Amino acid sequence: QLQLVESGGGLVQAGGSLRLSCVASGTTFSINPMGWFRQAPGKQRELVASITSGGITNYADSVKGRFAASRDNAKNTVYLQMKSLKPEDTAVYYCKILLQGNNYWGQGTQVTVSS
């Protein structure tokens, strides 16, 4: 029933931009906190950005000033706008929803930033 589907990843040159999207189905969505995470090879999955039901955001220090999370509750969608991308941003990016005390994950979308 519940699905999270990420899209928008790809290959981009350093300094470029991408916008990731995550569409949720099977949930009311609007009341749920959501987050963006990423995992690079050999590294632990890390929180990149979180967003409350009201649109309040927090960011990892490494992406502050470059990434912006937003949500459109009418479309059951959250976004991650990424600017000034660096090779260190290369990772699989996942969206997550907190639903009734449990975390649910999408399958991820690959972001590769070339130098």
Protein backbone atom coordinates (compact mmCIF):
# COMPACT_ATOMS: atom_id res chain seq x y z
CA GLN A 1 0.00 0.00 0.00
CA LEU A 2 2.60 2.56 1.08
CA GLN A 3 5.16 3.51 -1.55
CA LEU A 4 7.82 6.19 -1.78
CA VAL A 5 9.35 6.75 -5.20
CA GLU A 6 12.35 9.03 -5.71
CA SER A 7 13.31 10.55 -9.04
CA GLY A 8 15.50 13.29 -10.47
CA GLY A 9 18.94 11.87 -9.90
CA GLY A 10 21.60 11.79 -12.57
CA LEU A 11 25.06 12.87 -13.61
CA VAL A 12 26.01 16.52 -13.24
CA GLN A 13 29.19 18.57 -13.35
CA ALA A 14 30.53 20.15 -10.17
CA GLY A 15 28.75 23.44 -9.60
CA GLY A 16 25.58 22.24 -11.27
CA SER A 17 22.09 21.68 -9.92
CA LEU A 18 19.54 18.89 -9.62
CA ARG A 19 16.08 18.66 -8.13
CA LEU A 20 15.01 15.40 -6.53
CA SER A 21 11.38 14.46 -6.05
CA CYS A 22 9.74 11.89 -3.81
CA VAL A 23 6.12 10.92 -4.35
CA ALA A 24 4.25 9.08 -1.61
CA SER A 25 1.15 6.94 -1.96
CA GLY A 26 -0.92 5.08 0.59
CA THR A 27 -0.69 7.72 3.31
CA THR A 28 -2.38 10.96 4.26
CA PHE A 29 1.10 12.50 3.92
CA SER A 30 0.31 16.02 5.05
CA ILE A 31 0.72 15.25 8.77
CA ASN A 32 3.96 13.33 8.43
CA PRO A 33 7.52 14.52 8.91
CA MET A 34 9.80 13.52 6.06
CA GLY A 35 13.50 13.47 5.42
CA TRP A 36 16.16 13.14 2.78
CA PHE A 37 19.12 10.87 3.41
CA ARG A 38 22.11 9.84 1.35
CA GLN A 39 24.58 7.01 1.38
CA ALA A 40 27.90 6.96 -0.42
CA PRO A 41 29.94 3.78 -0.95
CA GLY A 42 31.71 2.76 2.24
CA LYS A 43 29.91 5.37 4.33
CA GLN A 44 27.02 5.33 6.76
CA ARG A 45 23.67 6.62 5.62
CA GLU A 46 23.34 10.22 6.76
CA LEU A 47 20.54 12.70 7.18
CA VAL A 48 20.71 15.50 4.62
CA ALA A 49 17.50 17.40 5.29
CA SER A 50 14.32 17.04 7.30
CA ILE A 51 11.00 18.77 6.85
CA THR A 52 8.02 18.94 9.18
CA SER A 53 4.37 18.83 8.20
CA GLY A 54 4.42 22.63 8.31
CA GLY A 55 7.44 22.94 6.05
CA ILE A 56 10.08 23.71 8.68
CA THR A 57 13.45 22.41 7.53
CA ASN A 58 16.80 21.42 9.00
CA TYR A 59 19.98 20.59 7.10
CA ALA A 60 23.26 18.87 7.58
CA ASP A 61 26.14 21.31 7.93
CA SER A 62 27.69 19.97 4.74
CA VAL A 63 24.75 21.10 2.59
CA LYS A 64 23.57 24.27 4.33
CA GLY A 65 23.20 27.12 1.87
CA ARG A 66 23.24 24.75 -1.10
CA PHE A 67 20.28 22.39 -0.64
CA ALA A 68 16.64 23.27 0.00
CA ALA A 69 13.86 20.88 0.95
CA SER A 70 10.21 21.64 0.33
CA ARG A 71 6.89 19.84 0.19
CA ASP A 72 3.65 20.00 -1.72
CA ASN A 73 1.08 18.19 0.38
CA ALA A 74 -1.59 18.40 -2.31
CA LYS A 75 0.69 16.39 -4.60
CA ASN A 76 2.01 14.05 -1.89
CA THR A 77 5.49 15.13 -2.92
CA VAL A 78 8.66 16.34 -1.25
CA TYR A 79 11.55 17.92 -3.10
CA LEU A 80 15.23 18.46 -2.61
CA GLN A 81 16.69 21.29 -4.68
CA MET A 82 20.46 20.88 -4.85
CA LYS A 83 22.72 23.69 -6.05
CA SER A 84 26.47 24.17 -6.26
CA LEU A 85 26.94 20.42 -6.26
CA LYS A 86 30.28 18.97 -5.25
CA PRO A 87 31.84 15.58 -5.96
CA GLU A 88 31.42 14.84 -2.24
CA ASP A 89 27.65 14.96 -2.78
CA THR A 90 27.83 11.80 -4.89
CA ALA A 91 25.59 9.20 -3.25
CA VAL A 92 22.31 7.37 -3.46
CA TYR A 93 19.63 9.69 -2.11
CA TYR A 94 16.64 8.30 -0.23
CA CYS A 95 13.46 9.85 1.04
CA LYS A 96 11.85 8.71 4.26
CA ILE A 97 8.49 9.17 5.92
CA LEU A 98 7.64 8.83 9.60
CA LEU A 99 4.27 7.12 9.78
CA GLN A 100 2.66 6.06 13.07
CA GLY A 101 6.02 5.87 14.76
CA ASN A 102 7.72 3.87 11.99
CA ASN A 103 10.15 4.88 9.27
CA TYR A 104 9.48 3.93 5.65
CA TRP A 105 12.02 4.31 2.86
CA GLY A 106 12.06 4.74 -0.87
CA GLN A 107 14.39 2.80 -3.15
CA GLY A 108 16.73 5.71 -3.77
CA THR A 109 18.00 7.69 -6.73
CA GLN A 110 21.66 7.98 -7.75
CA VAL A 111 23.34 11.38 -7.83
CA THR A 112 26.80 11.54 -9.36
CA VAL A 113 28.80 14.78 -9.42
CA SER A 114 31.88 14.87 -11.61
CA SER A 115 34.85 17.13 -10.99
